Amino acid sequence: MHGLYLLWWVQEKQVSPAMVAAILATGNLALLCLELPTGWFADRVGHRISLIVGSAVQVVGMLWCWLGEGVPGLITASLLVALGDAFRSGADTALLYRTCRALGREDAFQAIQAQANAVELGALVGLVLAGGVIVTTWGYAAGWIAETTLCAIGLAIAWTMVEPPAAADPAEASRIEGPAPVVSAAMAMLIVPTGLLVAAASAASFLAQTGGTSDAEGLTRLVAMFTLAEAAGSMAAARMPSAGAPGLMMLGVLGAIGFVISLMHPYTVTAMALVLALMTGLAAPLRASAIQRLAADAARARAASLASACDMLLMTIALPLSGLWGRR
């Protein structure tokens, strides 16, 4: 139902577009606030447990999106989806990294993470197109049943996962004991540049979608192109060596320069949005790998959640500003 839920709430549930936008913004704000608390939960209770809880909440959220009525139903659904996303955010990356380390394949983490990102983005394009076919052929109820079923399958997959053991070597064990600080200058140098790149890519995509064609089919193709460009970037990251703060900062600076160029020359915005999507797909796995190498074992999910929260915050700031610029 990705891409169709707006039509569902506005046309089928008779909620005004302005109210839908405000409630979705509230959901994004809730996700931003929940990132670190749920990251702490994952590090303290277990990354597998956090994935299970998040997937279970996601199933309930999808049911509420379908069966909820009016503004209260939409608010509840939006908050449930945000809570489910927050429990999974960070926990998945931490679980994968600790699993790779337990298997003696720590160096393979970046390639696996990048390939998983690429597959996820590619599957999203297919699912968006499939959702349109399902709803057109059998109606919205069939679409929500399919969406809820997919979430339930995700819950079953999370249930079958295994929590890796804690690090056994003395050097790593010394990092586990006591407080595990997440916020530091070194961590910020890894997180912020990619966050700025993500915000620039989102803003450029928004300008490209709102400043060009208003044809629904054309917009669908445009969004699919951006998503596939991001997937291509992730596939490239699977073959690249690990990058630290200098490499990530270089990508962030190049992205900022490209975004400024697109603002100065609006006819380049679509092409630049594609380039920025490619760079975002490239930077995300590189940053995830660098963060996990730096983070203490007892704070891996919180570190990944902090990166996600930074991305969300910068996007929340960038999108309204890009909207104001577009009106010029």
Protein backbone atom coordinates (compact mmCIF):
# COMPACT_ATOMS: atom_id res chain seq x y z
CA MET A 1 0.00 0.00 0.00
CA HIS A 2 3.04 2.28 -0.13
CA GLY A 3 2.01 5.21 -2.30
CA LEU A 4 -1.72 4.39 -2.00
CA TYR A 5 -2.40 5.03 1.68
CA LEU A 6 -2.90 8.77 1.02
CA LEU A 7 -5.69 8.03 -1.43
CA TRP A 8 -7.15 5.53 1.06
CA TRP A 9 -7.38 8.04 3.89
CA VAL A 10 -8.49 11.00 1.77
CA GLN A 11 -10.89 9.34 -0.66
CA GLU A 12 -12.13 6.29 1.22
CA LYS A 13 -11.93 7.50 4.84
CA GLN A 14 -12.88 11.11 4.05
CA VAL A 15 -10.05 12.70 6.04
CA SER A 16 -8.96 16.07 4.66
CA PRO A 17 -5.55 16.23 2.93
CA ALA A 18 -4.37 18.92 5.35
CA MET A 19 -5.28 16.75 8.34
CA VAL A 20 -3.58 13.72 6.80
CA ALA A 21 -0.40 15.73 6.21
CA ALA A 22 -0.43 17.05 9.79
CA ILE A 23 -0.93 13.59 11.29
CA LEU A 24 1.79 12.05 9.13
CA ALA A 25 4.14 14.82 10.26
CA THR A 26 3.19 13.95 13.85
CA GLY A 27 4.08 10.33 13.14
CA ASN A 28 7.48 11.38 11.81
CA LEU A 29 8.05 13.48 14.93
CA ALA A 30 7.07 10.52 17.11
CA LEU A 31 9.54 8.29 15.25
CA LEU A 32 12.26 10.89 15.80
CA CYS A 33 11.56 10.95 19.54
CA LEU A 34 11.32 7.15 19.83
CA GLU A 35 14.55 6.27 18.03
CA LEU A 36 16.92 6.45 21.01
CA PRO A 37 14.58 4.96 23.67
CA THR A 38 13.86 1.95 21.46
CA GLY A 39 17.56 1.71 20.62
CA TRP A 40 18.28 1.51 24.34
CA PHE A 41 15.62 -1.20 24.64
CA ALA A 42 17.26 -3.22 21.87
CA ASP A 43 20.72 -2.94 23.42
CA ARG A 44 19.42 -3.79 26.89
CA VAL A 45 16.81 -6.48 26.20
CA GLY A 46 18.02 -7.92 22.91
CA HIS A 47 18.08 -6.98 19.25
CA ARG A 48 16.02 -10.02 18.25
CA ILE A 49 13.36 -9.19 20.84
CA SER A 50 13.24 -5.60 19.59
CA LEU A 51 12.72 -6.81 16.02
CA ILE A 52 9.92 -9.13 17.16
CA VAL A 53 8.19 -6.36 19.13
CA GLY A 54 8.55 -3.90 16.26
CA SER A 55 7.18 -6.37 13.72
CA ALA A 56 4.22 -7.25 15.96
CA VAL A 57 3.40 -3.55 16.45
CA GLN A 58 3.70 -3.08 12.68
CA VAL A 59 1.06 -5.76 12.06
CA VAL A 60 -1.32 -4.02 14.48
CA GLY A 61 -0.51 -0.68 12.83
CA MET A 62 -1.41 -2.01 9.39
CA LEU A 63 -4.71 -3.37 10.71
CA TRP A 64 -5.45 0.02 12.26
CA CYS A 65 -4.62 1.77 8.97
CA TRP A 66 -7.21 -0.45 7.34
CA LEU A 67 -9.94 -0.63 9.97
CA GLY A 68 -9.44 2.62 11.92
CA GLU A 69 -12.06 5.32 11.44
CA GLY A 70 -11.70 9.07 11.18
CA VAL A 71 -8.98 11.27 12.60
CA PRO A 72 -8.55 9.22 15.83
CA GLY A 73 -8.02 6.07 13.77
CA LEU A 74 -5.45 7.79 11.56
CA ILE A 75 -3.58 9.19 14.56
CA THR A 76 -3.48 5.78 16.22
CA ALA A 77 -2.33 4.08 13.03
CA SER A 78 0.38 6.68 12.43
CA LEU A 79 1.74 6.36 15.97
CA LEU A 80 1.68 2.54 15.84
CA VAL A 81 3.59 2.52 12.55
CA ALA A 82 6.14 4.95 14.02
CA LEU A 83 6.55 2.78 17.12
CA GLY A 84 7.03 -0.36 15.03
CA ASP A 85 9.60 1.36 12.83
CA ALA A 86 11.45 2.66 15.89
CA PHE A 87 11.76 -0.78 17.50
CA ARG A 88 13.21 -2.22 14.29
CA SER A 89 15.45 0.74 13.49
CA GLY A 90 18.98 0.15 14.71
CA ALA A 91 18.21 -3.32 16.04
CA ASP A 92 18.45 -4.86 12.56
CA THR A 93 21.86 -3.32 11.86
CA ALA A 94 23.22 -4.23 15.29
CA LEU A 95 21.98 -7.82 15.02
CA LEU A 96 23.55 -8.24 11.59
CA TYR A 97 26.90 -6.83 12.70
CA ARG A 98 27.07 -8.94 15.86
CA THR A 99 26.09 -12.02 13.82
CA CYS A 100 28.87 -11.37 11.30
CA ARG A 101 31.35 -10.94 14.14
CA ALA A 102 30.19 -14.12 15.90
CA LEU A 103 30.69 -16.05 12.64
CA GLY A 104 34.15 -14.56 12.14
CA ARG A 105 32.97 -12.58 9.12
CA GLU A 106 33.01 -9.05 10.50
CA ASP A 107 34.63 -7.76 7.30
CA ALA A 108 31.63 -9.01 5.30
CA PHE A 109 29.16 -6.79 7.15
CA GLN A 110 29.37 -3.83 4.75
CA ALA A 111 28.81 -5.97 1.66
CA ILE A 112 25.88 -7.82 3.24
CA GLN A 113 24.32 -4.59 4.52
CA ALA A 114 24.71 -2.94 1.11
CA GLN A 115 23.23 -5.90 -0.75
CA ALA A 116 20.32 -6.05 1.68
CA ASN A 117 19.64 -2.33 1.13
CA ALA A 118 19.70 -2.80 -2.63
CA VAL A 119 17.33 -5.78 -2.50
CA GLU A 120 14.99 -3.91 -0.15
CA LEU A 121 14.83 -0.87 -2.43
CA GLY A 122 14.36 -2.98 -5.54
CA ALA A 123 11.60 -4.96 -3.85
CA LEU A 124 9.92 -1.70 -2.81
CA VAL A 125 9.56 -0.68 -6.45
CA GLY A 126 7.99 -4.03 -7.30
CA LEU A 127 5.68 -3.92 -4.30
CA VAL A 128 4.48 -0.40 -5.15
CA LEU A 129 3.59 -1.50 -8.66
CA ALA A 130 2.00 -4.73 -7.37
CA GLY A 131 -0.04 -2.77 -4.83
CA GLY A 132 -1.50 -0.63 -7.58
CA VAL A 133 -2.50 -3.73 -9.55
CA ILE A 134 -4.04 -5.43 -6.50
CA VAL A 135 -6.10 -2.38 -5.50
CA THR A 136 -7.22 -1.71 -9.06
CA THR A 137 -8.25 -5.34 -9.59
CA TRP A 138 -9.67 -6.41 -6.22
CA GLY A 139 -10.06 -3.20 -4.20
CA TYR A 140 -8.44 -1.62 -1.14
CA ALA A 141 -9.40 -4.46 1.20
CA ALA A 142 -7.27 -6.87 -0.82
CA GLY A 143 -4.40 -4.38 -0.72
CA TRP A 144 -4.54 -4.07 3.07
CA ILE A 145 -4.80 -7.85 3.47
CA ALA A 146 -1.67 -8.25 1.34
CA GLU A 147 0.15 -5.53 3.30
CA THR A 148 -0.77 -7.05 6.67
CA THR A 149 0.23 -10.52 5.46
CA LEU A 150 3.67 -9.25 4.43
CA CYS A 151 4.12 -7.66 7.86
CA ALA A 152 3.10 -10.94 9.52
CA ILE A 153 5.70 -12.76 7.41
CA GLY A 154 8.27 -10.25 8.66
CA LEU A 155 7.23 -11.06 12.23
CA ALA A 156 7.71 -14.78 11.56
CA ILE A 157 11.17 -14.14 10.10
CA ALA A 158 12.16 -12.04 13.14
CA TRP A 159 10.99 -14.85 15.43
CA THR A 160 13.32 -17.36 13.74
CA MET A 161 16.42 -15.17 14.23
CA VAL A 162 19.07 -15.95 16.82
CA GLU A 163 20.68 -13.45 19.18
CA PRO A 164 24.48 -13.71 18.82
CA PRO A 165 26.62 -14.09 21.96
CA ALA A 166 28.37 -11.09 23.45
CA ALA A 167 31.96 -10.41 22.43
CA ALA A 168 34.40 -12.77 24.09
CA ASP A 169 37.79 -11.18 23.43
CA PRO A 170 39.19 -9.00 26.27
CA ALA A 171 39.57 -5.87 24.14
CA GLU A 172 35.95 -5.91 23.09
CA ALA A 173 34.72 -7.05 26.49
CA SER A 174 36.31 -3.99 28.07
CA ARG A 175 34.08 -1.86 25.86
CA ILE A 176 30.96 -3.67 27.03
CA GLU A 177 31.40 -3.03 30.74
CA GLY A 178 30.00 0.14 32.26
CA PRO A 179 28.35 3.03 30.40
CA ALA A 180 28.55 2.90 26.63
CA PRO A 181 28.58 6.52 25.34
CA VAL A 182 26.91 7.00 21.98
CA VAL A 183 27.18 10.72 21.36
CA SER A 184 30.76 11.78 20.62
CA ALA A 185 32.64 13.96 18.15
CA ALA A 186 33.92 10.88 16.30
CA MET A 187 30.39 9.47 16.01
CA ALA A 188 29.02 12.82 14.83
CA MET A 189 31.62 12.98 12.06
CA LEU A 190 30.28 9.66 10.78
CA ILE A 191 26.59 10.42 11.16
CA VAL A 192 26.06 14.06 10.15
CA PRO A 193 27.58 14.15 6.62
CA THR A 194 25.39 11.29 5.41
CA GLY A 195 22.41 12.85 7.18
CA LEU A 196 22.96 16.05 5.19
CA LEU A 197 23.23 13.98 2.01
CA VAL A 198 19.96 12.18 2.79
CA ALA A 199 18.23 15.52 3.45
CA ALA A 200 19.57 16.99 0.20
CA ALA A 201 18.42 13.93 -1.77
CA SER A 202 14.94 14.10 -0.22
CA ALA A 203 14.63 17.82 -0.94
CA ALA A 204 15.83 17.42 -4.53
CA SER A 205 13.40 14.54 -5.06
CA PHE A 206 10.57 16.67 -3.68
CA LEU A 207 11.43 19.56 -6.01
CA ALA A 208 11.64 17.20 -8.99
CA GLN A 209 8.25 15.67 -8.20
CA THR A 210 6.46 18.97 -7.56
CA GLY A 211 8.11 21.09 -10.23
CA GLY A 212 7.58 18.90 -13.27
CA THR A 213 4.81 16.66 -14.53
CA SER A 214 1.54 16.31 -12.64
CA ASP A 215 0.71 13.07 -14.46
CA ALA A 216 0.31 10.22 -11.98
CA GLU A 217 2.00 7.69 -14.25
CA GLY A 218 4.92 10.02 -14.86
CA LEU A 219 5.35 10.66 -11.15
CA THR A 220 5.31 6.92 -10.45
CA ARG A 221 8.07 6.39 -12.99
CA LEU A 222 10.06 9.25 -11.49
CA VAL A 223 9.83 7.85 -7.95
CA ALA A 224 10.78 4.40 -9.26
CA MET A 225 13.85 5.91 -10.97
CA PHE A 226 14.97 7.57 -7.73
CA THR A 227 14.49 4.34 -5.79
CA LEU A 228 16.39 2.27 -8.35
CA ALA A 229 19.22 4.83 -8.37
CA GLU A 230 19.52 4.48 -4.60
CA ALA A 231 19.55 0.69 -4.97
CA ALA A 232 22.34 0.98 -7.55
CA GLY A 233 24.35 3.04 -5.07
CA SER A 234 23.97 0.35 -2.43
CA MET A 235 25.08 -2.33 -4.86
CA ALA A 236 28.21 -0.27 -5.61
CA ALA A 237 28.90 0.04 -1.86
CA ALA A 238 28.97 -3.76 -1.60
CA ARG A 239 32.15 -3.77 -3.71
CA MET A 240 33.88 -0.80 -2.07
CA PRO A 241 36.41 -0.82 0.77
CA SER A 242 35.39 0.50 4.16
CA ALA A 243 35.21 4.28 4.50
CA GLY A 244 35.77 6.41 7.56
CA ALA A 245 34.86 9.98 8.40
CA PRO A 246 36.94 11.57 5.58
CA GLY A 247 35.22 9.54 2.86
CA LEU A 248 31.75 10.16 4.27
CA MET A 249 32.47 13.88 4.67
CA MET A 250 33.59 14.05 1.03
CA LEU A 251 30.30 12.46 -0.09
CA GLY A 252 28.38 14.93 2.09
CA VAL A 253 30.22 17.93 0.65
CA LEU A 254 29.74 16.73 -2.93
CA GLY A 255 26.05 16.19 -2.25
CA ALA A 256 25.66 19.69 -0.81
CA ILE A 257 27.39 21.21 -3.83
CA GLY A 258 25.16 19.25 -6.20
CA PHE A 259 22.03 20.33 -4.35
CA VAL A 260 23.04 24.01 -4.48
CA ILE A 261 23.64 23.65 -8.23
CA SER A 262 20.14 22.22 -8.66
CA LEU A 263 18.68 25.18 -6.77
CA MET A 264 20.56 27.67 -8.94
CA HIS A 265 19.66 25.86 -12.16
CA PRO A 266 16.18 24.31 -11.75
CA TYR A 267 16.35 22.48 -15.09
CA THR A 268 19.01 20.21 -13.56
CA VAL A 269 16.96 19.23 -10.50
CA THR A 270 15.73 15.87 -11.82
CA ALA A 271 19.15 14.75 -12.95
CA MET A 272 20.72 15.97 -9.71
CA ALA A 273 18.04 14.19 -7.66
CA LEU A 274 19.01 10.95 -9.39
CA VAL A 275 22.70 11.56 -8.63
CA LEU A 276 21.92 12.38 -4.99
CA ALA A 277 19.79 9.22 -4.67
CA LEU A 278 22.71 7.19 -6.03
CA MET A 279 25.09 8.86 -3.54
CA THR A 280 22.67 8.22 -0.66
CA GLY A 281 22.50 4.54 -1.51
CA LEU A 282 26.29 4.46 -1.62
CA ALA A 283 26.81 6.34 1.66
CA ALA A 284 24.28 4.49 3.84
CA PRO A 285 26.06 1.09 4.01
CA LEU A 286 29.46 2.80 4.33
CA ARG A 287 28.19 4.78 7.30
CA ALA A 288 26.48 1.78 8.88
CA SER A 289 29.73 -0.19 8.74
CA ALA A 290 31.78 2.71 10.15
CA ILE A 291 29.29 3.27 12.99
CA GLN A 292 29.29 -0.38 14.02
CA ARG A 293 33.09 -0.51 14.01
CA LEU A 294 33.20 2.49 16.33
CA ALA A 295 30.25 1.70 18.63
CA ALA A 296 30.58 -0.25 21.87
CA ASP A 297 28.90 -3.64 21.79
CA ALA A 298 26.36 -2.53 24.38
CA ALA A 299 25.35 0.51 22.33
CA ARG A 300 25.22 -0.71 18.74
CA ALA A 301 21.46 -0.27 18.26
CA ARG A 302 21.52 3.16 19.92
CA ALA A 303 24.31 4.29 17.59
CA ALA A 304 22.39 3.14 14.51
CA SER A 305 19.18 4.69 15.87
CA LEU A 306 21.00 7.97 16.46
CA ALA A 307 22.01 8.01 12.79
CA SER A 308 18.42 7.36 11.73
CA ALA A 309 17.15 10.10 14.04
CA CYS A 310 19.67 12.54 12.58
CA ASP A 311 18.49 11.70 9.06
CA MET A 312 14.87 12.22 10.08
CA LEU A 313 15.59 15.54 11.78
CA LEU A 314 17.53 16.95 8.84
CA MET A 315 14.87 15.79 6.36
CA THR A 316 12.16 17.39 8.52
CA ILE A 317 14.04 20.69 8.27
CA ALA A 318 14.98 20.40 4.60
CA LEU A 319 11.61 19.47 3.10
CA PRO A 320 9.64 22.57 4.23
CA LEU A 321 12.55 24.80 3.16
CA SER A 322 12.61 23.16 -0.27
CA GLY A 323 8.85 23.68 -0.50
CA LEU A 324 9.29 27.40 0.18
CA TRP A 325 12.08 27.58 -2.39
CA GLY A 326 9.91 25.77 -4.95
CA ARG A 327 7.15 28.34 -4.54
CA ARG A 328 9.58 31.00 -5.70
